[in-house]
């Protein structure tokens, strides 16, 4: 299915390192893995987020990759083909990896320059 290149997509990747290996995990993810994914055609940016530690003391991380492509199926197929050849780290808990692909339903929404009128105005 061909899509307009202005259509925005995102790949959400949730991961966790093994306990006590957070620094090693971050060094690999930020220093190596983000660049591997961004080298694929259609992947235009990435940002990582961290959640507070859960009851088990482990932190979950979320990487959001922005994708711009006219052929999302081909872009995702290239990603799936490349995944087995990408580096990994023994710090990553493979059981924690969750991928989710989403399509934007709005453009970027920014705050208005002036607040909207209220009932009192």
PDB file of N, CA and C in Angstrom:
ATOM      1  N   UNK A   1       0.841  -1.178   0.000  1.00  0.00           N
ATOM      2  CA  UNK A   1       0.000   0.000   0.000  1.00  0.00           C
ATOM      3  C   UNK A   1       0.887   1.241   0.000  1.00  0.00           C
ATOM      4  N   UNK A   2       0.741   2.088  -0.961  1.00  0.00           N
ATOM      5  CA  UNK A   2       1.507   3.324  -1.037  1.00  0.00           C
ATOM      6  C   UNK A   2       0.890   4.363  -0.105  1.00  0.00           C
ATOM      7  N   UNK A   3       1.735   5.058   0.619  1.00  0.00           N
ATOM      8  CA  UNK A   3       1.268   6.108   1.513  1.00  0.00           C
ATOM      9  C   UNK A   3       1.985   7.404   1.162  1.00  0.00           C
ATOM     10  N   UNK A   4       1.373   8.505   1.446  1.00  0.00           N
ATOM     11  CA  UNK A   4       1.960   9.813   1.229  1.00  0.00           C
ATOM     12  C   UNK A   4       3.190   9.968   2.116  1.00  0.00           C
ATOM     13  N   UNK A   5       4.277  10.560   1.584  1.00  0.00           N
ATOM     14  CA  UNK A   5       5.495  10.713   2.376  1.00  0.00           C
ATOM     15  C   UNK A   5       5.300  11.666   3.540  1.00  0.00           C
ATOM     16  N   UNK A   6       4.218  12.433   3.555  1.00  0.00           N
ATOM     17  CA  UNK A   6       3.926  13.310   4.686  1.00  0.00           C
ATOM     18  C   UNK A   6       3.220  12.561   5.814  1.00  0.00           C
ATOM     19  N   UNK A   7       2.813  11.321   5.564  1.00  0.00           N
ATOM     20  CA  UNK A   7       2.194  10.529   6.609  1.00  0.00           C
ATOM     21  C   UNK A   7       3.254  10.165   7.623  1.00  0.00           C
ATOM     22  N   UNK A   8       2.906  10.300   8.878  1.00  0.00           N
ATOM     23  CA  UNK A   8       3.868  10.034   9.938  1.00  0.00           C
ATOM     24  C   UNK A   8       3.568   8.704  10.601  1.00  0.00           C
ATOM     25  N   UNK A   9       4.612   7.954  10.841  1.00  0.00           N
ATOM     26  CA  UNK A   9       4.516   6.668  11.513  1.00  0.00           C
ATOM     27  C   UNK A   9       5.517   6.664  12.654  1.00  0.00           C
ATOM     28  N   UNK A  10       5.309   5.754  13.571  1.00  0.00           N
ATOM     29  CA  UNK A  10       6.281   5.578  14.642  1.00  0.00           C
ATOM     30  C   UNK A  10       6.375   4.100  14.982  1.00  0.00           C
ATOM     31  N   UNK A  11       7.575   3.704  15.349  1.00  0.00           N
ATOM     32  CA  UNK A  11       7.810   2.367  15.872  1.00  0.00           C
ATOM     33  C   UNK A  11       8.172   2.553  17.337  1.00  0.00           C
ATOM     34  N   UNK A  12       7.399   1.949  18.224  1.00  0.00           N
ATOM     35  CA  UNK A  12       7.634   2.028  19.660  1.00  0.00           C
ATOM     36  C   UNK A  12       8.310   0.734  20.090  1.00  0.00           C
ATOM     37  N   UNK A  13       9.427   0.849  20.765  1.00  0.00           N
ATOM     38  CA  UNK A  13      10.167  -0.326  21.214  1.00  0.00           C
ATOM     39  C   UNK A  13      10.377  -0.211  22.718  1.00  0.00           C
ATOM     40  N   UNK A  14       9.756  -1.137  23.456  1.00  0.00           N
ATOM     41  CA  UNK A  14       9.902  -1.179  24.912  1.00  0.00           C
ATOM     42  C   UNK A  14      10.928  -2.250  25.272  1.00  0.00           C
ATOM     43  N   UNK A  15      11.844  -1.906  26.183  1.00  0.00           N
ATOM     44  CA  UNK A  15      12.901  -2.830  26.582  1.00  0.00           C
ATOM     45  C   UNK A  15      13.253  -2.618  28.049  1.00  0.00           C
ATOM     46  N   UNK A  16      13.943  -3.597  28.603  1.00  0.00           N
ATOM     47  CA  UNK A  16      14.514  -3.489  29.950  1.00  0.00           C
ATOM     48  C   UNK A  16      15.869  -4.176  29.972  1.00  0.00           C
ATOM     49  N   UNK A  17      16.813  -3.603  30.696  1.00  0.00           N
ATOM     50  CA  UNK A  17      18.077  -4.312  30.900  1.00  0.00           C
ATOM     51  C   UNK A  17      17.926  -5.297  32.057  1.00  0.00           C
ATOM     52  N   UNK A  18      18.857  -6.218  32.129  1.00  0.00           N
ATOM     53  CA  UNK A  18      18.906  -7.078  33.296  1.00  0.00           C
ATOM     54  C   UNK A  18      19.288  -6.218  34.507  1.00  0.00           C
ATOM     55  N   UNK A  19      18.850  -6.606  35.702  1.00  0.00           N
ATOM     56  CA  UNK A  19      19.190  -5.822  36.899  1.00  0.00           C
ATOM     57  C   UNK A  19      20.694  -5.596  37.022  1.00  0.00           C
ATOM     58  N   UNK A  20      21.047  -4.354  37.369  1.00  0.00           N
ATOM     59  CA  UNK A  20      22.442  -3.989  37.568  1.00  0.00           C
ATOM     60  C   UNK A  20      23.222  -3.703  36.300  1.00  0.00           C
ATOM     61  N   UNK A  21      22.551  -3.770  35.143  1.00  0.00           N
ATOM     62  CA  UNK A  21      23.271  -3.578  33.874  1.00  0.00           C
ATOM     63  C   UNK A  21      22.732  -2.388  33.080  1.00  0.00           C
ATOM     64  N   UNK A  22      22.093  -1.469  33.767  1.00  0.00           N
ATOM     65  CA  UNK A  22      21.472  -0.319  33.116  1.00  0.00           C
ATOM     66  C   UNK A  22      22.481   0.552  32.370  1.00  0.00           C
ATOM     67  N   UNK A  23      23.636   0.813  32.962  1.00  0.00           N
ATOM     68  CA  UNK A  23      24.640   1.663  32.298  1.00  0.00           C
ATOM     69  C   UNK A  23      25.166   1.016  31.015  1.00  0.00           C
ATOM     70  N   UNK A  24      25.457  -0.272  31.080  1.00  0.00           N
ATOM     71  CA  UNK A  24      25.931  -1.005  29.898  1.00  0.00           C
ATOM     72  C   UNK A  24      24.867  -0.999  28.797  1.00  0.00           C
ATOM     73  N   UNK A  25      23.618  -1.206  29.203  1.00  0.00           N
ATOM     74  CA  UNK A  25      22.487  -1.190  28.269  1.00  0.00           C
ATOM     75  C   UNK A  25      22.374   0.175  27.587  1.00  0.00           C
ATOM     76  N   UNK A  26      22.422   1.249  28.381  1.00  0.00           N
ATOM     77  CA  UNK A  26      22.288   2.605  27.830  1.00  0.00           C
ATOM     78  C   UNK A  26      23.439   2.935  26.888  1.00  0.00           C
ATOM     79  N   UNK A  27      24.650   2.515  27.252  1.00  0.00           N
ATOM     80  CA  UNK A  27      25.805   2.780  26.393  1.00  0.00           C
ATOM     81  C   UNK A  27      25.633   2.112  25.028  1.00  0.00           C
ATOM     82  N   UNK A  28      25.184   0.862  25.040  1.00  0.00           N
ATOM     83  CA  UNK A  28      24.951   0.151  23.775  1.00  0.00           C
ATOM     84  C   UNK A  28      23.806   0.794  22.990  1.00  0.00           C
ATOM     85  N   UNK A  29      22.682   1.042  23.663  1.00  0.00           N
ATOM     86  CA  UNK A  29      21.508   1.550  22.951  1.00  0.00           C
ATOM     87  C   UNK A  29      21.793   2.911  22.336  1.00  0.00           C
ATOM     88  N   UNK A  30      22.327   3.822  23.172  1.00  0.00           N
ATOM     89  CA  UNK A  30      22.556   5.194  22.700  1.00  0.00           C
ATOM     90  C   UNK A  30      23.750   5.301  21.760  1.00  0.00           C
ATOM     91  N   UNK A  31      24.785   4.500  22.005  1.00  0.00           N
ATOM     92  CA  UNK A  31      26.009   4.621  21.232  1.00  0.00           C
ATOM     93  C   UNK A  31      26.083   3.771  19.979  1.00  0.00           C
ATOM     94  N   UNK A  32      25.260   2.725  19.916  1.00  0.00           N
ATOM     95  CA  UNK A  32      25.345   1.804  18.774  1.00  0.00           C
ATOM     96  C   UNK A  32      23.984   1.563  18.126  1.00  0.00           C
ATOM     97  N   UNK A  33      23.028   1.115  18.926  1.00  0.00           N
ATOM     98  CA  UNK A  33      21.786   0.608  18.346  1.00  0.00           C
ATOM     99  C   UNK A  33      20.928   1.682  17.670  1.00  0.00           C
ATOM    100  N   UNK A  34      20.820   2.848  18.267  1.00  0.00           N
ATOM    101  CA  UNK A  34      20.015   3.900  17.628  1.00  0.00           C
ATOM    102  C   UNK A  34      20.537   4.186  16.217  1.00  0.00           C
ATOM    103  N   UNK A  35      21.843   4.276  16.062  1.00  0.00           N
ATOM    104  CA  UNK A  35      22.432   4.543  14.740  1.00  0.00           C
ATOM    105  C   UNK A  35      22.155   3.407  13.762  1.00  0.00           C
ATOM    106  N   UNK A  36      22.153   2.158  14.257  1.00  0.00           N
ATOM    107  CA  UNK A  36      21.855   1.021  13.372  1.00  0.00           C
ATOM    108  C   UNK A  36      20.452   1.142  12.788  1.00  0.00           C
ATOM    109  N   UNK A  37      19.499   1.465  13.630  1.00  0.00           N
ATOM    110  CA  UNK A  37      18.114   1.580  13.151  1.00  0.00           C
ATOM    111  C   UNK A  37      17.974   2.795  12.242  1.00  0.00           C
ATOM    112  N   UNK A  38      18.568   3.917  12.630  1.00  0.00           N
ATOM    113  CA  UNK A  38      18.434   5.142  11.836  1.00  0.00           C
ATOM    114  C   UNK A  38      19.167   5.066  10.497  1.00  0.00           C
ATOM    115  N   UNK A  39      20.017   4.077  10.313  1.00  0.00           N
ATOM    116  CA  UNK A  39      20.674   3.883   9.017  1.00  0.00           C
ATOM    117  C   UNK A  39      19.720   3.285   7.983  1.00  0.00           C
ATOM    118  N   UNK A  40      18.595   2.749   8.441  1.00  0.00           N
ATOM    119  CA  UNK A  40      17.626   2.157   7.519  1.00  0.00           C
ATOM    120  C   UNK A  40      16.821   3.241   6.821  1.00  0.00           C
ATOM    121  N   UNK A  41      16.597   3.106   5.510  1.00  0.00           N
ATOM    122  CA  UNK A  41      15.800   4.100   4.787  1.00  0.00           C
ATOM    123  C   UNK A  41      14.403   4.231   5.407  1.00  0.00           C
ATOM    124  N   UNK A  42      13.980   5.471   5.584  1.00  0.00           N
ATOM    125  CA  UNK A  42      12.653   5.757   6.128  1.00  0.00           C
ATOM    126  C   UNK A  42      12.663   6.102   7.605  1.00  0.00           C
ATOM    127  N   UNK A  43      13.675   5.650   8.349  1.00  0.00           N
ATOM    128  CA  UNK A  43      13.774   5.974   9.776  1.00  0.00           C
ATOM    129  C   UNK A  43      14.493   7.306   9.895  1.00  0.00           C
ATOM    130  N   UNK A  44      13.794   8.333  10.404  1.00  0.00           N
ATOM    131  CA  UNK A  44      14.339   9.686  10.349  1.00  0.00           C
ATOM    132  C   UNK A  44      14.760  10.261  11.696  1.00  0.00           C
ATOM    133  N   UNK A  45      14.258   9.709  12.794  1.00  0.00           N
ATOM    134  CA  UNK A  45      14.685  10.207  14.103  1.00  0.00           C
ATOM    135  C   UNK A  45      14.338   9.173  15.170  1.00  0.00           C
ATOM    136  N   UNK A  46      14.946   9.359  16.328  1.00  0.00           N
ATOM    137  CA  UNK A  46      14.685   8.466  17.454  1.00  0.00           C
ATOM    138  C   UNK A  46      14.834   9.246  18.747  1.00  0.00           C
ATOM    139  N   UNK A  47      14.109   8.797  19.747  1.00  0.00           N
ATOM    140  CA  UNK A  47      14.222   9.381  21.079  1.00  0.00           C
ATOM    141  C   UNK A  47      13.928   8.292  22.087  1.00  0.00           C
ATOM    142  N   UNK A  48      14.722   8.254  23.164  1.00  0.00           N
ATOM    143  CA  UNK A  48      14.505   7.246  24.205  1.00  0.00           C
ATOM    144  C   UNK A  48      13.933   7.890  25.457  1.00  0.00           C
ATOM    145  N   UNK A  49      13.084   7.142  26.139  1.00  0.00           N
ATOM    146  CA  UNK A  49      12.450   7.570  27.382  1.00  0.00           C
ATOM    147  C   UNK A  49      12.653   6.478  28.425  1.00  0.00           C
ATOM    148  N   UNK A  50      12.631   6.870  29.691  1.00  0.00           N
ATOM    149  CA  UNK A  50      12.745   5.914  30.787  1.00  0.00           C
ATOM    150  C   UNK A  50      11.553   6.082  31.720  1.00  0.00           C
ATOM    151  N   UNK A  51      11.000   4.968  32.141  1.00  0.00           N
ATOM    152  CA  UNK A  51       9.927   4.972  33.132  1.00  0.00           C
ATOM    153  C   UNK A  51      10.556   4.787  34.511  1.00  0.00           C
ATOM    154  N   UNK A  52       9.879   5.246  35.540  1.00  0.00           N
ATOM    155  CA  UNK A  52      10.397   4.982  36.889  1.00  0.00           C
ATOM    156  C   UNK A  52      10.472   3.474  37.129  1.00  0.00           C
ATOM    157  N   UNK A  53      11.304   3.089  38.056  1.00  0.00           N
ATOM    158  CA  UNK A  53      11.434   1.673  38.383  1.00  0.00           C
ATOM    159  C   UNK A  53      10.098   1.136  38.888  1.00  0.00           C
ATOM    160  N   UNK A  54       9.788  -0.083  38.488  1.00  0.00           N
ATOM    161  CA  UNK A  54       8.560  -0.733  38.935  1.00  0.00           C
ATOM    162  C   UNK A  54       8.743  -1.363  40.304  1.00  0.00           C
ATOM    163  N   UNK A  55       7.726  -2.070  40.772  1.00  0.00           N
ATOM    164  CA  UNK A  55       7.800  -2.713  42.088  1.00  0.00           C
ATOM    165  C   UNK A  55       8.963  -3.705  42.203  1.00  0.00           C
ATOM    166  N   UNK A  56       9.375  -4.257  41.056  1.00  0.00           N
ATOM    167  CA  UNK A  56      10.494  -5.212  41.067  1.00  0.00           C
ATOM    168  C   UNK A  56      11.851  -4.508  41.004  1.00  0.00           C
ATOM    169  N   UNK A  57      11.842  -3.172  40.970  1.00  0.00           N
ATOM    170  CA  UNK A  57      13.080  -2.408  40.925  1.00  0.00           C
ATOM    171  C   UNK A  57      13.645  -2.195  39.530  1.00  0.00           C
ATOM    172  N   UNK A  58      13.027  -2.795  38.533  1.00  0.00           N
ATOM    173  CA  UNK A  58      13.521  -2.666  37.150  1.00  0.00           C
ATOM    174  C   UNK A  58      12.895  -1.462  36.469  1.00  0.00           C
ATOM    175  N   UNK A  59      13.675  -0.850  35.601  1.00  0.00           N
ATOM    176  CA  UNK A  59      13.172   0.262  34.790  1.00  0.00           C
ATOM    177  C   UNK A  59      12.836  -0.249  33.413  1.00  0.00           C
ATOM    178  N   UNK A  60      11.792   0.322  32.836  1.00  0.00           N
ATOM    179  CA  UNK A  60      11.413   0.046  31.450  1.00  0.00           C
ATOM    180  C   UNK A  60      11.829   1.262  30.642  1.00  0.00           C
ATOM    181  N   UNK A  61      12.261   0.990  29.420  1.00  0.00           N
ATOM    182  CA  UNK A  61      12.662   2.053  28.512  1.00  0.00           C
ATOM    183  C   UNK A  61      11.810   1.978  27.257  1.00  0.00           C
ATOM    184  N   UNK A  62      11.592   3.132  26.648  1.00  0.00           N
ATOM    185  CA  UNK A  62      10.813   3.224  25.428  1.00  0.00           C
ATOM    186  C   UNK A  62      11.619   4.015  24.411  1.00  0.00           C
ATOM    187  N   UNK A  63      11.837   3.424  23.249  1.00  0.00           N
ATOM    188  CA  UNK A  63      12.441   4.143  22.128  1.00  0.00           C
ATOM    189  C   UNK A  63      11.331   4.397  21.119  1.00  0.00           C
ATOM    190  N   UNK A  64      11.237   5.630  20.664  1.00  0.00           N
ATOM    191  CA  UNK A  64      10.254   5.987  19.646  1.00  0.00           C
ATOM    192  C   UNK A  64      11.021   6.411  18.400  1.00  0.00           C
ATOM    193  N   UNK A  65      10.847   5.629  17.347  1.00  0.00           N
ATOM    194  CA  UNK A  65      11.477   5.909  16.058  1.00  0.00           C
ATOM    195  C   UNK A  65      10.428   6.535  15.143  1.00  0.00           C
ATOM    196  N   UNK A  66      10.736   7.700  14.586  1.00  0.00           N
ATOM    197  CA  UNK A  66       9.855   8.345  13.627  1.00  0.00           C
ATOM    198  C   UNK A  66      10.212   7.840  12.234  1.00  0.00           C
ATOM    199  N   UNK A  67       9.175   7.500  11.473  1.00  0.00           N
ATOM    200  CA  UNK A  67       9.360   6.945  10.132  1.00  0.00           C
ATOM    201  C   UNK A  67       8.645   7.849   9.133  1.00  0.00           C
ATOM    202  N   UNK A  68       9.317   8.181   8.044  1.00  0.00           N
ATOM    203  CA  UNK A  68       8.723   8.940   6.942  1.00  0.00           C
ATOM    204  C   UNK A  68       8.996   8.157   5.668  1.00  0.00           C
ATOM    205  N   UNK A  69       7.946   7.677   5.049  1.00  0.00           N
ATOM    206  CA  UNK A  69       8.112   6.840   3.866  1.00  0.00           C
ATOM    207  C   UNK A  69       6.849   6.875   3.023  1.00  0.00           C
ATOM    208  N   UNK A  70       7.009   6.617   1.751  1.00  0.00           N
ATOM    209  CA  UNK A  70       5.872   6.473   0.856  1.00  0.00           C
ATOM    210  C   UNK A  70       5.415   5.033   0.739  1.00  0.00           C
ATOM    211  N   UNK A  71       6.167   4.113   1.342  1.00  0.00           N
ATOM    212  CA  UNK A  71       5.829   2.692   1.273  1.00  0.00           C
ATOM    213  C   UNK A  71       6.151   2.051   2.626  1.00  0.00           C
ATOM    214  N   UNK A  72       5.227   2.157   3.550  1.00  0.00           N
ATOM    215  CA  UNK A  72       5.472   1.700   4.911  1.00  0.00           C
ATOM    216  C   UNK A  72       5.704   0.197   4.973  1.00  0.00           C
ATOM    217  N   UNK A  73       5.022  -0.576   4.140  1.00  0.00           N
ATOM    218  CA  UNK A  73       5.226  -2.030   4.164  1.00  0.00           C
ATOM    219  C   UNK A  73       6.671  -2.382   3.808  1.00  0.00           C
ATOM    220  N   UNK A  74       7.216  -1.742   2.778  1.00  0.00           N
ATOM    221  CA  UNK A  74       8.598  -2.005   2.377  1.00  0.00           C
ATOM    222  C   UNK A  74       9.571  -1.550   3.463  1.00  0.00           C
ATOM    223  N   UNK A  75       9.291  -0.422   4.094  1.00  0.00           N
ATOM    224  CA  UNK A  75      10.158   0.083   5.159  1.00  0.00           C
ATOM    225  C   UNK A  75      10.179  -0.871   6.341  1.00  0.00           C
ATOM    226  N   UNK A  76       9.009  -1.345   6.745  1.00  0.00           N
ATOM    227  CA  UNK A  76       8.951  -2.292   7.865  1.00  0.00           C
ATOM    228  C   UNK A  76       9.559  -3.640   7.491  1.00  0.00           C
ATOM    229  N   UNK A  77       9.422  -4.039   6.236  1.00  0.00           N
ATOM    230  CA  UNK A  77      10.045  -5.292   5.781  1.00  0.00           C
ATOM    231  C   UNK A  77      11.566  -5.180   5.851  1.00  0.00           C
ATOM    232  N   UNK A  78      12.120  -4.020   5.447  1.00  0.00           N
ATOM    233  CA  UNK A  78      13.574  -3.816   5.549  1.00  0.00           C
ATOM    234  C   UNK A  78      14.021  -3.872   7.005  1.00  0.00           C
ATOM    235  N   UNK A  79      13.215  -3.292   7.884  1.00  0.00           N
ATOM    236  CA  UNK A  79      13.543  -3.327   9.309  1.00  0.00           C
ATOM    237  C   UNK A  79      13.575  -4.769   9.810  1.00  0.00           C
ATOM    238  N   UNK A  80      12.558  -5.554   9.480  1.00  0.00           N
ATOM    239  CA  UNK A  80      12.503  -6.951   9.927  1.00  0.00           C
ATOM    240  C   UNK A  80      13.660  -7.765   9.346  1.00  0.00           C
ATOM    241  N   UNK A  81      14.037  -7.487   8.101  1.00  0.00           N
ATOM    242  CA  UNK A  81      15.170  -8.188   7.482  1.00  0.00           C
ATOM    243  C   UNK A  81      16.486  -7.827   8.166  1.00  0.00           C
ATOM    244  N   UNK A  82      16.617  -6.587   8.621  1.00  0.00           N
ATOM    245  CA  UNK A  82      17.863  -6.117   9.230  1.00  0.00           C
ATOM    246  C   UNK A  82      17.990  -6.533  10.697  1.00  0.00           C
ATOM    247  N   UNK A  83      16.887  -6.735  11.376  1.00  0.00           N
ATOM    248  CA  UNK A  83      16.930  -7.009  12.824  1.00  0.00           C
ATOM    249  C   UNK A  83      17.877  -8.139  13.212  1.00  0.00           C
ATOM    250  N   UNK A  84      17.880  -9.280  12.532  1.00  0.00           N
ATOM    251  CA  UNK A  84      18.788 -10.359  12.964  1.00  0.00           C
ATOM    252  C   UNK A  84      20.271 -10.006  12.845  1.00  0.00           C
ATOM    253  N   UNK A  85      20.602  -8.995  12.054  1.00  0.00           N
ATOM    254  CA  UNK A  85      21.995  -8.617  11.839  1.00  0.00           C
ATOM    255  C   UNK A  85      22.429  -7.435  12.699  1.00  0.00           C
ATOM    256  N   UNK A  86      21.500  -6.851  13.437  1.00  0.00           N
ATOM    257  CA  UNK A  86      21.848  -5.730  14.308  1.00  0.00           C
ATOM    258  C   UNK A  86      22.543  -6.252  15.561  1.00  0.00           C
ATOM    259  N   UNK A  87      23.385  -5.403  16.124  1.00  0.00           N
ATOM    260  CA  UNK A  87      24.111  -5.789  17.328  1.00  0.00           C
ATOM    261  C   UNK A  87      23.144  -5.926  18.499  1.00  0.00           C
ATOM    262  N   UNK A  88      23.615  -6.578  19.524  1.00  0.00           N
ATOM    263  CA  UNK A  88      22.865  -6.673  20.765  1.00  0.00           C
ATOM    264  C   UNK A  88      23.859  -6.571  21.911  1.00  0.00           C
ATOM    265  N   UNK A  89      23.348  -6.592  23.100  1.00  0.00           N
ATOM    266  CA  UNK A  89      24.196  -6.536  24.287  1.00  0.00           C
ATOM    267  C   UNK A  89      23.699  -7.569  25.280  1.00  0.00           C
ATOM    268  N   UNK A  90      24.593  -8.199  26.018  1.00  0.00           N
ATOM    269  CA  UNK A  90      24.144  -9.142  27.042  1.00  0.00           C
ATOM    270  C   UNK A  90      23.396  -8.447  28.175  1.00  0.00           C
ATOM    271  N   UNK A  91      23.409  -7.111  28.194  1.00  0.00           N
ATOM    272  CA  UNK A  91      22.680  -6.363  29.219  1.00  0.00           C
ATOM    273  C   UNK A  91      21.175  -6.323  28.939  1.00  0.00           C
ATOM    274  N   UNK A  92      20.778  -6.555  27.690  1.00  0.00           N
ATOM    275  CA  UNK A  92      19.358  -6.500  27.302  1.00  0.00           C
ATOM    276  C   UNK A  92      18.657  -7.802  27.668  1.00  0.00           C
ATOM    277  N   UNK A  93      17.542  -7.673  28.371  1.00  0.00           N
ATOM    278  CA  UNK A  93      16.699  -8.835  28.662  1.00  0.00           C
ATOM    279  C   UNK A  93      15.830  -9.065  27.430  1.00  0.00           C
ATOM    280  N   UNK A  94      16.106 -10.099  26.623  1.00  0.00           N
ATOM    281  CA  UNK A  94      15.341 -10.293  25.386  1.00  0.00           C
ATOM    282  C   UNK A  94      13.855 -10.535  25.629  1.00  0.00           C
ATOM    283  N   UNK A  95      13.496 -11.050  26.788  1.00  0.00           N
ATOM    284  CA  UNK A  95      12.080 -11.279  27.098  1.00  0.00           C
ATOM    285  C   UNK A  95      11.323  -9.968  27.297  1.00  0.00           C
ATOM    286  N   UNK A  96      12.051  -8.869  27.480  1.00  0.00           N
ATOM    287  CA  UNK A  96      11.402  -7.582  27.730  1.00  0.00           C
ATOM    288  C   UNK A  96      11.056  -6.830  26.454  1.00  0.00           C
ATOM    289  N   UNK A  97      11.538  -7.270  25.309  1.00  0.00           N
ATOM    290  CA  UNK A  97      11.388  -6.509  24.064  1.00  0.00           C
ATOM    291  C   UNK A  97       9.962  -6.609  23.537  1.00  0.00           C
ATOM    292  N   UNK A  98       9.353  -5.452  23.355  1.00  0.00           N
ATOM    293  CA  UNK A  98       8.006  -5.351  22.774  1.00  0.00           C
ATOM    294  C   UNK A  98       8.045  -4.274  21.698  1.00  0.00           C
ATOM    295  N   UNK A  99       7.537  -4.592  20.512  1.00  0.00           N
ATOM    296  CA  UNK A  99       7.475  -3.630  19.419  1.00  0.00           C
ATOM    297  C   UNK A  99       6.018  -3.321  19.099  1.00  0.00           C
ATOM    298  N   UNK A 100       5.761  -2.065  18.795  1.00  0.00           N
ATOM    299  CA  UNK A 100       4.423  -1.645  18.388  1.00  0.00           C
ATOM    300  C   UNK A 100       4.568  -0.589  17.303  1.00  0.00           C
ATOM    301  N   UNK A 101       3.861  -0.766  16.220  1.00  0.00           N
ATOM    302  CA  UNK A 101       3.877   0.171  15.109  1.00  0.00           C
ATOM    303  C   UNK A 101       2.589   0.983  15.154  1.00  0.00           C
ATOM    304  N   UNK A 102       2.699   2.303  15.026  1.00  0.00           N
ATOM    305  CA  UNK A 102       1.521   3.172  15.066  1.00  0.00           C
ATOM    306  C   UNK A 102       1.561   4.165  13.913  1.00  0.00           C
ATOM    307  N   UNK A 103       0.386   4.633  13.524  1.00  0.00           N
ATOM    308  CA  UNK A 103       0.222   5.647  12.492  1.00  0.00           C
ATOM    309  C   UNK A 103      -0.335   6.905  13.139  1.00  0.00           C
ATOM    310  N   UNK A 104       0.219   8.057  12.786  1.00  0.00           N
ATOM    311  CA  UNK A 104      -0.281   9.320  13.333  1.00  0.00           C
ATOM    312  C   UNK A 104      -1.692   9.579  12.832  1.00  0.00           C
ATOM    313  N   UNK A 105      -2.529  10.071  13.710  1.00  0.00           N
ATOM    314  CA  UNK A 105      -3.890  10.432  13.321  1.00  0.00           C
ATOM    315  C   UNK A 105      -4.101  11.941  13.335  1.00  0.00           C
ATOM    316  N   UNK A 106      -3.100  12.679  13.820  1.00  0.00           N
ATOM    317  CA  UNK A 106      -3.115  14.137  13.753  1.00  0.00           C
ATOM    318  C   UNK A 106      -1.712  14.594  13.380  1.00  0.00           C
ATOM    319  N   UNK A 107      -1.609  15.829  12.988  1.00  0.00           N
ATOM    320  CA  UNK A 107      -0.292  16.434  12.854  1.00  0.00           C
ATOM    321  C   UNK A 107       0.201  16.798  14.245  1.00  0.00           C
ATOM    322  N   UNK A 108       1.355  17.433  14.307  1.00  0.00           N
ATOM    323  CA  UNK A 108       1.868  17.896  15.589  1.00  0.00           C
ATOM    324  C   UNK A 108       0.959  19.002  16.092  1.00  0.00           C
ATOM    325  N   UNK A 109       0.551  18.923  17.341  1.00  0.00           N
ATOM    326  CA  UNK A 109      -0.320  19.924  17.946  1.00  0.00           C
ATOM    327  C   UNK A 109       0.509  20.737  18.923  1.00  0.00           C
ATOM    328  N   UNK A 110       0.492  22.049  18.738  1.00  0.00           N
ATOM    329  CA  UNK A 110       1.240  22.959  19.607  1.00  0.00           C
ATOM    330  C   UNK A 110       0.250  23.835  20.365  1.00  0.00           C
ATOM    331  N   UNK A 111       0.656  24.387  21.504  1.00  0.00           N
ATOM    332  CA  UNK A 111      -0.251  25.272  22.224  1.00  0.00           C
ATOM    333  C   UNK A 111      -0.547  26.522  21.408  1.00  0.00           C
ATOM    334  N   UNK A 112      -1.733  27.044  21.587  1.00  0.00           N
ATOM    335  CA  UNK A 112      -2.125  28.262  20.881  1.00  0.00           C
ATOM    336  C   UNK A 112      -1.299  29.432  21.406  1.00  0.00           C
ATOM    337  N   UNK A 113      -1.072  30.439  20.554  1.00  0.00           N
ATOM    338  CA  UNK A 113      -0.310  31.620  20.948  1.00  0.00           C
ATOM    339  C   UNK A 113      -1.043  32.387  22.031  1.00  0.00           C
ATOM    340  N   UNK A 114      -2.352  32.397  21.954  1.00  0.00           N
ATOM    341  CA  UNK A 114      -3.155  33.050  23.001  1.00  0.00           C
ATOM    342  C   UNK A 114      -4.185  32.043  23.465  1.00  0.00           C
ATOM    343  N   UNK A 115      -4.529  32.097  24.741  1.00  0.00           N
ATOM    344  CA  UNK A 115      -5.511  31.124  25.225  1.00  0.00           C
ATOM    345  C   UNK A 115      -6.866  31.346  24.570  1.00  0.00           C
ATOM    346  N   UNK A 116      -7.616  30.265  24.395  1.00  0.00           N
ATOM    347  CA  UNK A 116      -8.958  30.432  23.823  1.00  0.00           C
ATOM    348  C   UNK A 116      -9.842  31.212  24.778  1.00  0.00           C
ATOM    349  N   UNK A 117     -10.868  31.878  24.235  1.00  0.00           N
ATOM    350  CA  UNK A 117     -11.769  32.642  25.115  1.00  0.00           C
ATOM    351  C   UNK A 117     -12.485  31.705  26.082  1.00  0.00           C
ATOM    352  N   UNK A 118     -12.800  32.249  27.242  1.00  0.00           N
ATOM    353  CA  UNK A 118     -13.549  31.488  28.251  1.00  0.00           C
ATOM    354  C   UNK A 118     -14.959  32.041  28.322  1.00  0.00           C
ATOM    355  N   UNK A 119     -15.774  31.394  29.099  1.00  0.00           N
ATOM    356  CA  UNK A 119     -17.166  31.828  29.263  1.00  0.00           C
ATOM    357  C   UNK A 119     -17.238  33.231  29.866  1.00  0.00           C
ATOM    358  N   UNK A 120     -16.206  33.617  30.608  1.00  0.00           N
ATOM    359  CA  UNK A 120     -16.211  34.917  31.270  1.00  0.00           C
ATOM    360  C   UNK A 120     -15.803  36.038  30.332  1.00  0.00           C
ATOM    361  N   UNK A 121     -15.238  35.726  29.159  1.00  0.00           N
ATOM    362  CA  UNK A 121     -14.761  36.759  28.221  1.00  0.00           C
ATOM    363  C   UNK A 121     -15.892  37.357  27.439  1.00  0.00           C
TER     364      UNK A 121
END
